[in-house]
Amino acid sequence: MTQVYLKKKISRRIENGHPWVFANEVDKTVGPLSGGDIVELLTHDGKFIGRGYANPKSLIFVRLLTRNKGEIINEDFFFNKINTAWKYRQQLGYTENCRLVFGEADFLPALIIDKFNDYFVLQTLALGMDIWKPAIVKALQAIFKPKGIYERNDVPVRELEGLPQIKGFLSEPFDTQILIHENGLKFIVDVENGQKTGYFLDQQDNRRAIQHIVKGGDVLGAFTYTGTFEIHAAHYGAKSVLGLDISATAVEQANKNAALNGLSDKCVFQAVNAFDVLKLWSKEGRQYDVVMLDPPAFTKSRENIQKAITGYKEINLRGMKLIKPGGFLVTTSCTNLVQPELFLEIIEMAAKDAKRTLRQVVFQTQASDHPIIWGQENTHYLKFLIVQVL
């Protein structure tokens, strides 16, 4: 097996458990190396660290799969890892819908698998993981006997690994509009054309957190996508719910989801630019009991972090101005580059500019089927905050 030696003076990040080895941390390779090959990673003086897959054309040269010297990377390895991930979700109570594999947090870097009852959607985001796609599909078939498997590899990050963007069936074709149940409600998941894998499972626990604050209130939701938060609000007893999203397709699906749950009478969605509308409505003096903001990631690179900070501050400032005294702001960020402390600072800055006092109700992260590994920022990405706006 080809060996990769680290430079003598590197950070303790890798020894402390981080699975990524960057190209500038590699001293030398001994043996032939093609992209995606399994290699042994060694310290500068030859001590075994682990085994993983390598891509000499990628900024991330090696992604570790195991630190166990006796563990071989083969089909059984992937079966065991996926089976272990499933047992963990079952222990936590996630059985119908869950993120079955969350990349590095399940020790399978660059692999995402979402489970929507008997259907599975996967992403193999690096060359070394993509090579093992047949073994991954085989493991899913053996463990679950699924009704269908679909790949959503139509993501730009694959191009950094020299991979094409593709999507399609990895099983016999099936109807890609899948009905799921969440918190007593029904939603259609479009695994073929929806965002990411078709549905944001990472918020399924957070959606329950709005249960009491929305009762009897007028609720405004922005960046609603297919309306999950808004439909939960209507279900939990809101008097009226208005959801905004720039995508006409998403709004169409949101209205269908509202109808599916018999909530069309008090849950309405409109296709508009939320940034513009929130600014206009705050000038007009509109007021709501609850405003919910679930914007997309404002940046995926550190170079644009200031842009993200500005975006989050502006959208939350506009949201606060629309809230009646004593009402509630529900706000989220899915940018892992904006860590929790910074996110709270941004909200505090917005509150000062809005001349409002905040009282924290809930501050939590993604659902527990998206586990966090301490020291690995990319596994700790979602921030979910509820504050009372006084």
Protein backbone atom coordinates (compact mmCIF):
# COMPACT_ATOMS: atom_id res chain seq x y z
CA MET A 1 0.00 0.00 0.00
CA THR A 2 1.30 3.44 -0.91
CA GLN A 3 2.44 5.45 2.09
CA VAL A 4 1.97 9.17 2.70
CA TYR A 5 4.32 10.86 5.17
CA LEU A 6 3.41 14.04 6.99
CA LYS A 7 5.82 16.93 7.41
CA LYS A 8 7.59 17.09 10.74
CA LYS A 9 6.17 20.44 11.82
CA ILE A 10 2.42 20.26 11.33
CA SER A 11 -0.40 21.13 13.68
CA ARG A 12 -1.67 18.54 16.11
CA ARG A 13 -5.03 18.68 14.33
CA ILE A 14 -4.56 15.31 12.62
CA GLU A 15 -3.15 13.55 15.69
CA ASN A 16 -6.08 14.95 17.69
CA GLY A 17 -8.59 13.29 15.39
CA HIS A 18 -9.26 15.51 12.38
CA PRO A 19 -9.62 13.33 9.26
CA TRP A 20 -8.34 15.81 6.65
CA VAL A 21 -4.72 16.08 5.51
CA PHE A 22 -4.06 19.08 3.29
CA ALA A 23 -1.61 18.93 0.40
CA ASN A 24 0.80 21.38 2.08
CA GLU A 25 1.05 19.08 5.12
CA VAL A 26 2.42 16.16 3.09
CA ASP A 27 6.19 15.62 3.06
CA LYS A 28 6.39 12.70 0.60
CA THR A 29 4.59 9.70 -0.85
CA VAL A 30 6.22 6.32 -1.23
CA GLY A 31 4.73 4.15 -3.96
CA PRO A 32 2.41 4.70 -6.92
CA LEU A 33 -0.61 6.91 -6.36
CA SER A 34 -3.74 7.40 -8.43
CA GLY A 35 -6.65 9.58 -7.38
CA GLY A 36 -8.95 7.71 -5.00
CA ASP A 37 -6.40 5.09 -3.90
CA ILE A 38 -6.38 3.88 -0.31
CA VAL A 39 -3.12 4.90 1.37
CA GLU A 40 -1.42 4.59 4.74
CA LEU A 41 -0.79 7.86 6.55
CA LEU A 42 2.39 8.05 8.63
CA THR A 43 4.12 10.64 10.78
CA HIS A 44 7.40 12.09 9.51
CA ASP A 45 9.27 9.36 11.41
CA GLY A 46 7.12 6.47 10.18
CA LYS A 47 4.53 6.01 12.95
CA PHE A 48 1.17 4.73 11.72
CA ILE A 49 -1.70 7.23 11.93
CA GLY A 50 -4.39 5.64 9.79
CA ARG A 51 -5.70 4.68 6.37
CA GLY A 52 -7.77 6.76 4.01
CA TYR A 53 -8.31 7.70 0.41
CA ALA A 54 -6.04 10.15 -1.40
CA ASN A 55 -6.40 12.58 -4.26
CA PRO A 56 -3.16 14.32 -5.28
CA LYS A 57 -5.17 16.79 -7.38
CA SER A 58 -7.28 17.96 -4.44
CA LEU A 59 -6.49 20.55 -1.78
CA ILE A 60 -7.45 17.83 0.73
CA PHE A 61 -4.78 15.24 -0.10
CA VAL A 62 -5.96 12.48 2.26
CA ARG A 63 -9.24 11.87 4.08
CA LEU A 64 -8.88 9.29 6.83
CA LEU A 65 -11.31 6.37 7.11
CA THR A 66 -9.72 4.45 9.98
CA ARG A 67 -7.02 4.75 12.62
CA ASN A 68 -7.17 1.04 13.36
CA LYS A 69 -4.09 -0.65 11.88
CA GLY A 70 -5.93 -3.96 11.64
CA GLU A 71 -8.92 -2.57 9.74
CA ILE A 72 -9.00 -3.14 5.98
CA ILE A 73 -10.91 -0.82 3.66
CA ASN A 74 -13.20 -3.09 1.62
CA GLU A 75 -16.91 -3.74 1.04
CA ASP A 76 -17.32 -5.13 4.56
CA PHE A 77 -15.82 -1.94 5.97
CA PHE A 78 -18.57 0.16 4.37
CA PHE A 79 -21.29 -2.29 5.39
CA ASN A 80 -20.14 -2.14 9.01
CA LYS A 81 -19.81 1.65 9.09
CA ILE A 82 -23.28 2.22 7.60
CA ASN A 83 -24.82 -0.41 9.88
CA THR A 84 -23.20 1.25 12.91
CA ALA A 85 -24.54 4.63 11.79
CA TRP A 86 -28.05 3.15 11.53
CA LYS A 87 -27.88 1.61 15.00
CA TYR A 88 -26.84 5.01 16.39
CA ARG A 89 -29.88 6.70 14.79
CA GLN A 90 -32.16 4.01 16.12
CA GLN A 91 -30.79 4.56 19.64
CA LEU A 92 -31.72 8.23 19.33
CA GLY A 93 -35.22 7.46 18.02
CA TYR A 94 -34.70 8.43 14.37
CA THR A 95 -36.26 5.56 12.47
CA GLU A 96 -38.50 6.88 9.70
CA ASN A 97 -36.58 9.89 8.39
CA CYS A 98 -33.00 10.76 9.25
CA ARG A 99 -29.56 11.65 8.04
CA LEU A 100 -28.23 8.12 8.07
CA VAL A 101 -24.62 9.09 7.34
CA PHE A 102 -23.25 12.54 8.10
CA GLY A 103 -19.81 12.44 6.50
CA GLU A 104 -16.95 13.04 8.91
CA ALA A 105 -19.25 12.79 11.94
CA ASP A 106 -19.85 9.13 11.01
CA PHE A 107 -16.21 8.57 10.03
CA LEU A 108 -17.08 8.35 6.34
CA PRO A 109 -15.70 11.63 4.96
CA ALA A 110 -17.55 13.18 2.02
CA LEU A 111 -20.46 10.71 2.20
CA ILE A 112 -24.02 11.91 2.86
CA ILE A 113 -26.97 9.51 3.02
CA ASP A 114 -30.49 10.67 3.86
CA LYS A 115 -33.24 8.19 4.67
CA PHE A 116 -36.83 9.07 3.78
CA ASN A 117 -38.76 6.07 5.14
CA ASP A 118 -37.94 3.33 2.58
CA TYR A 119 -36.03 5.55 0.15
CA PHE A 120 -32.43 6.74 0.27
CA VAL A 121 -30.63 9.71 -1.27
CA LEU A 122 -26.85 9.80 -1.29
CA GLN A 123 -24.03 12.16 -2.15
CA THR A 124 -20.41 11.09 -2.71
CA LEU A 125 -18.59 14.40 -2.63
CA ALA A 126 -14.96 13.28 -3.08
CA LEU A 127 -13.25 11.03 -5.61
CA GLY A 128 -12.13 8.48 -3.03
CA MET A 129 -15.67 8.05 -1.73
CA ASP A 130 -17.21 8.07 -5.20
CA ILE A 131 -15.12 5.02 -6.14
CA TRP A 132 -16.81 3.07 -3.34
CA LYS A 133 -20.34 4.00 -4.45
CA PRO A 134 -21.16 0.40 -5.59
CA ALA A 135 -20.13 -0.91 -2.16
CA ILE A 136 -22.26 1.77 -0.44
CA VAL A 137 -25.32 0.89 -2.55
CA LYS A 138 -24.74 -2.80 -1.87
CA ALA A 139 -24.62 -2.12 1.89
CA LEU A 140 -27.87 -0.12 1.79
CA GLN A 141 -29.59 -2.91 -0.11
CA ALA A 142 -28.36 -5.53 2.36
CA ILE A 143 -29.29 -3.58 5.52
CA PHE A 144 -32.58 -2.00 4.45
CA LYS A 145 -33.92 -3.70 1.31
CA PRO A 146 -35.01 -0.22 0.20
CA LYS A 147 -37.74 0.68 -2.26
CA GLY A 148 -35.32 3.04 -4.01
CA ILE A 149 -31.91 4.73 -3.98
CA TYR A 150 -31.17 8.03 -5.73
CA GLU A 151 -27.94 10.01 -6.04
CA ARG A 152 -27.85 13.80 -5.82
CA ASN A 153 -24.32 14.42 -6.96
CA ASP A 154 -25.31 17.55 -8.86
CA VAL A 155 -23.19 19.75 -6.57
CA PRO A 156 -20.29 22.02 -7.58
CA VAL A 157 -17.97 20.80 -4.81
CA ARG A 158 -17.44 17.57 -6.76
CA GLU A 159 -15.68 19.53 -9.48
CA LEU A 160 -12.89 20.35 -7.01
CA GLU A 161 -12.23 16.60 -6.97
CA GLY A 162 -12.32 16.26 -10.76
CA LEU A 163 -15.77 14.70 -10.65
CA PRO A 164 -18.76 15.52 -12.87
CA GLN A 165 -22.08 16.75 -11.50
CA ILE A 166 -24.62 13.96 -11.93
CA LYS A 167 -27.90 12.73 -10.50
CA GLY A 168 -30.03 9.70 -11.12
CA PHE A 169 -31.29 6.33 -9.92
CA LEU A 170 -28.96 3.84 -8.24
CA SER A 171 -31.80 1.34 -8.05
CA GLU A 172 -34.81 0.52 -10.17
CA PRO A 173 -36.61 3.82 -11.03
CA PHE A 174 -39.32 5.01 -8.65
CA ASP A 175 -41.62 8.00 -8.13
CA THR A 176 -39.25 10.69 -6.84
CA GLN A 177 -42.06 12.58 -5.06
CA ILE A 178 -41.93 10.84 -1.68
CA LEU A 179 -44.45 11.31 1.13
CA ILE A 180 -42.94 11.53 4.62
CA HIS A 181 -44.34 12.16 8.09
CA GLU A 182 -42.80 14.58 10.60
CA ASN A 183 -44.22 15.64 13.95
CA GLY A 184 -47.70 14.49 12.96
CA LEU A 185 -47.62 16.32 9.61
CA LYS A 186 -47.20 15.16 6.01
CA PHE A 187 -44.72 16.56 3.51
CA ILE A 188 -43.77 15.76 -0.06
CA VAL A 189 -40.02 15.37 -0.63
CA ASP A 190 -38.81 15.91 -4.19
CA VAL A 191 -35.59 13.89 -4.13
CA GLU A 192 -34.90 14.56 -7.81
CA ASN A 193 -35.23 18.34 -8.02
CA GLY A 194 -35.47 19.64 -4.44
CA GLN A 195 -32.62 21.49 -2.74
CA LYS A 196 -29.72 19.34 -1.49
CA THR A 197 -31.23 15.86 -1.04
CA GLY A 198 -34.77 17.23 -1.30
CA TYR A 199 -35.57 18.10 2.33
CA PHE A 200 -33.87 19.71 5.33
CA LEU A 201 -33.86 16.97 7.94
CA ASP A 202 -31.46 18.96 10.13
CA GLN A 203 -34.32 21.19 11.33
CA GLN A 204 -36.80 18.45 12.23
CA ASP A 205 -36.22 18.80 15.98
CA ASN A 206 -36.12 22.61 15.82
CA ARG A 207 -39.49 22.77 14.12
CA ARG A 208 -41.05 21.42 17.33
CA ALA A 209 -39.46 24.25 19.34
CA ILE A 210 -41.94 26.84 17.96
CA GLN A 211 -44.94 24.93 19.30
CA HIS A 212 -45.92 27.30 22.13
CA ILE A 213 -44.80 30.71 20.88
CA VAL A 214 -46.98 30.62 17.74
CA LYS A 215 -50.32 29.79 19.37
CA GLY A 216 -52.97 32.37 18.49
CA GLY A 217 -50.45 34.59 16.72
CA ASP A 218 -49.91 36.13 13.31
CA VAL A 219 -46.76 34.51 11.93
CA LEU A 220 -44.47 35.59 9.10
CA GLY A 221 -41.89 33.22 7.66
CA ALA A 222 -39.15 34.20 5.19
CA PHE A 223 -36.98 31.91 3.06
CA THR A 224 -39.59 29.22 3.61
CA TYR A 225 -38.52 26.74 0.89
CA THR A 226 -41.35 24.14 0.94
CA GLY A 227 -43.02 25.60 4.03
CA THR A 228 -42.10 23.18 6.80
CA PHE A 229 -41.72 25.74 9.61
CA GLU A 230 -44.81 27.64 8.51
CA ILE A 231 -46.98 24.53 8.27
CA HIS A 232 -45.80 23.49 11.73
CA ALA A 233 -46.81 26.96 12.99
CA ALA A 234 -50.30 26.59 11.54
CA HIS A 235 -50.55 23.07 12.96
CA TYR A 236 -49.52 24.36 16.40
CA GLY A 237 -52.34 26.88 16.48
CA ALA A 238 -51.17 30.10 14.81
CA LYS A 239 -54.05 32.38 13.79
CA SER A 240 -52.50 33.17 10.41
CA VAL A 241 -49.26 32.23 8.66
CA LEU A 242 -47.65 33.89 5.65
CA GLY A 243 -44.58 32.31 4.05
CA LEU A 244 -42.23 34.02 1.58
CA ASP A 245 -39.72 32.49 -0.82
CA ILE A 246 -38.12 33.73 -4.03
CA SER A 247 -38.63 30.36 -5.75
CA ALA A 248 -42.02 29.95 -7.43
CA THR A 249 -41.44 26.19 -7.54
CA ALA A 250 -40.81 26.05 -3.79
CA VAL A 251 -43.90 28.15 -3.10
CA GLU A 252 -46.01 25.86 -5.26
CA GLN A 253 -44.78 22.86 -3.27
CA ALA A 254 -45.34 24.72 0.03
CA ASN A 255 -48.95 25.44 -0.88
CA LYS A 256 -49.39 21.77 -1.80
CA ASN A 257 -47.94 20.74 1.56
CA ALA A 258 -50.35 23.09 3.34
CA ALA A 259 -53.27 21.57 1.45
CA LEU A 260 -51.99 18.08 2.19
CA ASN A 261 -52.34 18.85 5.90
CA GLY A 262 -55.67 20.68 5.62
CA LEU A 263 -54.11 24.01 6.56
CA SER A 264 -54.60 26.06 3.40
CA ASP A 265 -57.18 28.24 5.14
CA LYS A 266 -54.62 29.87 7.43
CA CYS A 267 -51.27 29.10 5.80
CA VAL A 268 -50.46 31.00 2.58
CA PHE A 269 -47.22 31.27 0.59
CA GLN A 270 -46.04 33.93 -1.85
CA ALA A 271 -43.15 33.98 -4.33
CA VAL A 272 -41.32 37.24 -3.57
CA ASN A 273 -37.83 38.49 -2.73
CA ALA A 274 -37.84 38.34 1.07
CA PHE A 275 -35.03 40.89 1.43
CA ASP A 276 -36.98 43.54 -0.45
CA VAL A 277 -40.36 42.74 1.07
CA LEU A 278 -39.17 42.74 4.68
CA LYS A 279 -37.57 46.15 4.20
CA LEU A 280 -40.72 47.56 2.58
CA TRP A 281 -43.09 46.11 5.16
CA SER A 282 -41.08 47.40 8.11
CA LYS A 283 -41.33 50.92 6.61
CA GLU A 284 -45.06 50.42 6.23
CA GLY A 285 -45.32 49.50 9.91
CA ARG A 286 -46.58 45.94 9.53
CA GLN A 287 -46.36 43.91 12.75
CA TYR A 288 -46.37 40.21 13.54
CA ASP A 289 -46.36 38.14 16.71
CA VAL A 290 -43.67 35.82 15.35
CA VAL A 291 -41.16 36.27 12.54
CA MET A 292 -39.23 33.21 11.35
CA LEU A 293 -36.05 33.54 9.24
CA ASP A 294 -34.37 30.50 7.67
CA PRO A 295 -32.03 31.97 5.01
CA PRO A 296 -29.59 30.00 2.86
CA ALA A 297 -25.87 30.02 3.61
CA PHE A 298 -24.57 33.49 2.75
CA THR A 299 -21.05 32.20 2.09
CA LYS A 300 -19.16 28.97 1.55
CA SER A 301 -15.67 30.50 1.77
CA ARG A 302 -13.73 32.38 4.44
CA GLU A 303 -12.94 35.11 1.92
CA ASN A 304 -16.59 36.17 1.94
CA ILE A 305 -17.20 35.90 5.68
CA GLN A 306 -17.80 39.64 6.05
CA LYS A 307 -20.50 39.42 3.39
CA ALA A 308 -22.21 36.70 5.42
CA ILE A 309 -22.01 38.75 8.62
CA THR A 310 -23.55 41.75 6.85
CA GLY A 311 -26.29 39.59 5.32
CA TYR A 312 -27.28 37.93 8.58
CA LYS A 313 -27.28 41.24 10.45
CA GLU A 314 -29.42 42.97 7.82
CA ILE A 315 -32.03 40.23 7.53
CA ASN A 316 -32.40 39.92 11.31
CA LEU A 317 -32.60 43.70 11.74
CA ARG A 318 -35.46 43.81 9.22
CA GLY A 319 -37.14 40.88 10.93
CA MET A 320 -36.98 42.49 14.39
CA LYS A 321 -38.59 45.67 13.11
CA LEU A 322 -41.64 43.64 12.09
CA ILE A 323 -42.20 42.10 15.53
CA LYS A 324 -44.71 43.41 18.05
CA PRO A 325 -43.21 44.21 21.48
CA GLY A 326 -43.11 40.91 23.34
CA GLY A 327 -43.24 38.87 20.14
CA PHE A 328 -40.69 36.33 19.04
CA LEU A 329 -37.92 36.03 16.46
CA VAL A 330 -37.01 32.56 15.20
CA THR A 331 -33.75 32.76 13.28
CA THR A 332 -31.21 30.31 11.88
CA SER A 333 -27.85 30.12 10.14
CA CYS A 334 -26.51 27.12 8.26
CA THR A 335 -23.09 28.63 7.47
CA ASN A 336 -20.49 26.57 9.34
CA LEU A 337 -17.98 29.43 8.89
CA VAL A 338 -20.19 31.52 11.19
CA GLN A 339 -19.68 29.75 14.49
CA PRO A 340 -22.24 30.01 17.33
CA GLU A 341 -20.51 32.82 19.26
CA LEU A 342 -20.26 34.98 16.13
CA PHE A 343 -23.89 34.29 15.21
CA LEU A 344 -25.07 35.53 18.61
CA GLU A 345 -22.90 38.62 18.26
CA ILE A 346 -24.54 39.36 14.90
CA ILE A 347 -28.03 39.05 16.39
CA GLU A 348 -27.00 41.33 19.25
CA MET A 349 -25.71 43.96 16.78
CA ALA A 350 -29.00 43.80 14.89
CA ALA A 351 -30.95 44.26 18.11
CA LYS A 352 -28.93 47.35 19.04
CA ASP A 353 -29.56 48.89 15.62
CA ALA A 354 -33.26 48.06 15.92
CA LYS A 355 -33.26 49.51 19.46
CA ARG A 356 -34.85 46.33 20.80
CA THR A 357 -34.03 44.23 23.86
CA LEU A 358 -33.79 40.47 23.41
CA ARG A 359 -34.57 37.65 25.82
CA GLN A 360 -33.17 34.28 24.78
CA VAL A 361 -35.66 31.41 24.76
CA VAL A 362 -33.88 28.61 22.88
CA PHE A 363 -30.43 28.28 21.30
CA GLN A 364 -29.63 24.92 19.78
CA THR A 365 -28.02 23.24 16.81
CA GLN A 366 -28.97 20.71 14.15
CA ALA A 367 -31.01 17.58 14.88
CA SER A 368 -29.11 14.83 16.68
CA ASP A 369 -29.02 12.60 13.62
CA HIS A 370 -26.42 15.13 12.40
CA PRO A 371 -23.91 14.50 15.21
CA ILE A 372 -21.16 16.98 16.06
CA ILE A 373 -17.54 15.96 16.48
CA TRP A 374 -15.76 18.44 18.73
CA GLY A 375 -12.88 20.10 16.93
CA GLN A 376 -14.41 19.59 13.48
CA GLU A 377 -16.17 22.83 12.54
CA ASN A 378 -17.82 21.40 9.44
CA THR A 379 -19.90 19.03 11.61
CA HIS A 380 -21.18 21.95 13.73
CA TYR A 381 -22.87 24.21 11.24
CA LEU A 382 -26.51 24.93 12.14
CA LYS A 383 -27.53 27.56 14.66
CA PHE A 384 -31.18 27.84 15.70
CA LEU A 385 -32.26 30.68 17.96
CA ILE A 386 -35.55 31.84 19.44
CA VAL A 387 -35.58 35.19 21.23
CA GLN A 388 -38.34 37.33 22.65
CA VAL A 389 -38.13 40.83 21.18
CA LEU A 390 -39.07 43.44 23.77
